Protein backbone atom coordinates (compact mmCIF):
# COMPACT_ATOMS: atom_id res chain seq x y z
CA MET A 1 -20.04 118.77 -1.44
CA THR A 2 -22.01 119.40 1.73
CA THR A 3 -22.71 116.71 4.29
CA GLN A 4 -26.40 116.78 3.33
CA ASN A 5 -25.54 116.23 -0.34
CA LYS A 6 -23.27 113.33 0.59
CA ILE A 7 -26.11 111.82 2.62
CA LYS A 8 -28.56 112.27 -0.27
CA ASP A 9 -26.09 110.64 -2.67
CA GLU A 10 -25.57 107.75 -0.26
CA LEU A 11 -29.32 107.27 0.09
CA ASN A 12 -29.75 107.16 -3.70
CA LYS A 13 -26.90 104.64 -3.93
CA ASN A 14 -28.53 102.54 -1.21
CA ILE A 15 -31.88 102.59 -3.03
CA PHE A 16 -30.12 101.70 -6.28
CA GLU A 17 -28.43 98.64 -4.78
CA THR A 18 -31.18 97.45 -2.45
CA PHE A 19 -33.91 97.34 -5.05
CA GLY A 20 -31.79 96.00 -7.92
CA ILE A 21 -32.23 99.14 -9.97
CA ASP A 22 -28.84 98.57 -11.59
CA GLU A 23 -30.37 95.51 -13.29
CA MET A 24 -33.13 97.56 -14.92
CA PRO A 25 -32.86 99.16 -18.36
CA GLU A 26 -31.27 102.60 -18.06
CA ASP A 27 -34.41 104.41 -19.17
CA LYS A 28 -36.32 102.87 -16.23
CA GLN A 29 -33.66 103.42 -13.54
CA GLU A 30 -34.33 107.11 -12.85
CA GLU A 31 -38.07 106.50 -12.78
CA ALA A 32 -37.62 103.69 -10.25
CA ILE A 33 -35.33 105.75 -8.01
CA VAL A 34 -37.81 108.63 -8.00
CA SER A 35 -40.77 106.34 -7.25
CA ILE A 36 -39.02 104.54 -4.41
CA GLY A 37 -37.66 107.82 -3.03
CA GLU A 38 -41.17 109.30 -3.01
CA ILE A 39 -42.56 106.31 -1.12
CA ILE A 40 -39.78 106.50 1.47
CA PHE A 41 -40.26 110.26 1.79
CA GLN A 42 -43.99 109.83 2.46
CA SER A 43 -43.15 107.42 5.29
CA VAL A 44 -40.57 109.89 6.61
CA LEU A 45 -43.14 112.71 6.53
CA LEU A 46 -45.58 110.66 8.58
CA ARG A 47 -42.90 110.34 11.26
CA VAL A 48 -41.38 113.83 11.27
CA LEU A 49 -44.36 116.15 10.90
CA PRO A 50 -45.62 115.30 14.41
CA MET A 51 -42.13 116.17 15.73
CA LEU A 52 -42.40 119.77 14.54
CA LYS A 53 -43.50 122.60 16.82
CA ASP A 54 -46.52 124.65 15.77
CA GLU A 55 -44.43 127.50 14.35
CA GLU A 56 -42.26 125.00 12.44
CA LEU A 57 -45.40 123.42 10.97
CA GLU A 58 -46.45 126.88 9.80
CA GLN A 59 -43.02 127.38 8.22
CA TYR A 60 -43.32 124.00 6.52
CA GLN A 61 -46.78 124.87 5.20
CA LYS A 62 -45.49 128.16 3.75
CA LEU A 63 -42.53 126.35 2.21
CA ILE A 64 -44.79 123.79 0.54
CA GLU A 65 -47.14 126.48 -0.74
CA ALA A 66 -44.15 128.07 -2.51
CA ASN A 67 -43.70 124.85 -4.53
CA PRO A 68 -40.04 124.43 -3.57
CA GLU A 69 -37.33 122.25 -5.05
CA PRO A 70 -37.08 118.88 -3.23
CA ASP A 71 -33.69 119.88 -1.81
CA ALA A 72 -35.27 122.88 -0.07
CA VAL A 73 -37.73 120.59 1.70
CA LEU A 74 -34.96 118.19 2.73
CA ASP A 75 -32.84 121.09 3.96
CA PHE A 76 -35.78 122.30 6.07
CA PHE A 77 -36.09 118.93 7.78
CA PHE A 78 -32.32 118.57 8.26
CA GLU A 79 -32.44 121.92 10.06
CA LYS A 80 -35.51 121.19 12.20
CA ILE A 81 -35.19 117.47 12.99
CA PRO A 82 -31.89 116.58 14.70
CA ASN A 83 -32.09 112.87 13.79
CA PHE A 84 -33.58 113.36 10.32
CA MET A 85 -31.02 111.15 8.56
CA GLN A 86 -31.66 108.37 11.06
CA VAL A 87 -35.40 108.57 10.34
CA ILE A 88 -34.71 108.33 6.60
CA ALA A 89 -32.41 105.34 7.12
CA GLU A 90 -34.98 103.57 9.30
CA GLU A 91 -37.79 104.12 6.80
CA ALA A 92 -35.60 102.98 3.89
CA GLU A 93 -34.66 99.85 5.81
CA LYS A 94 -38.30 99.17 6.66
CA MET A 95 -39.21 99.45 2.98
CA ARG A 96 -36.28 97.22 1.99
CA LYS A 97 -37.47 94.52 4.39
CA GLU A 98 -41.03 94.75 3.04
CA TYR A 99 -39.66 94.52 -0.51
CA GLU A 100 -37.63 91.42 0.34
CA LYS A 101 -40.58 89.82 2.08
CA GLU A 102 -42.87 90.51 -0.91
CA SER A 103 -40.33 89.31 -3.46
CA LYS A 104 -39.97 85.95 -1.67
CA GLN A 105 -43.69 85.22 -1.92
């Protein structure tokens, strides 16, 4: 298993535990993980796209136009953004804090 796959697995595990997905019915768990992952990824995109150089933005645009697998997009960012995993962790933590704050109200 590559380091990136280990990181992706750890992120899924973190999402699973943080948002209480393990307490949901099994048929809803995958749906919840995907939804939360998409929200986190949108936040990550807002942070990392401005970090890309013009030619990297063009590469990203071509990649997206090819309708790639999600792993291909993640691999692109792991290659281009040195602290990509840190950005993901920070955005996941920010969402976790917002979730906790909302659930206490």
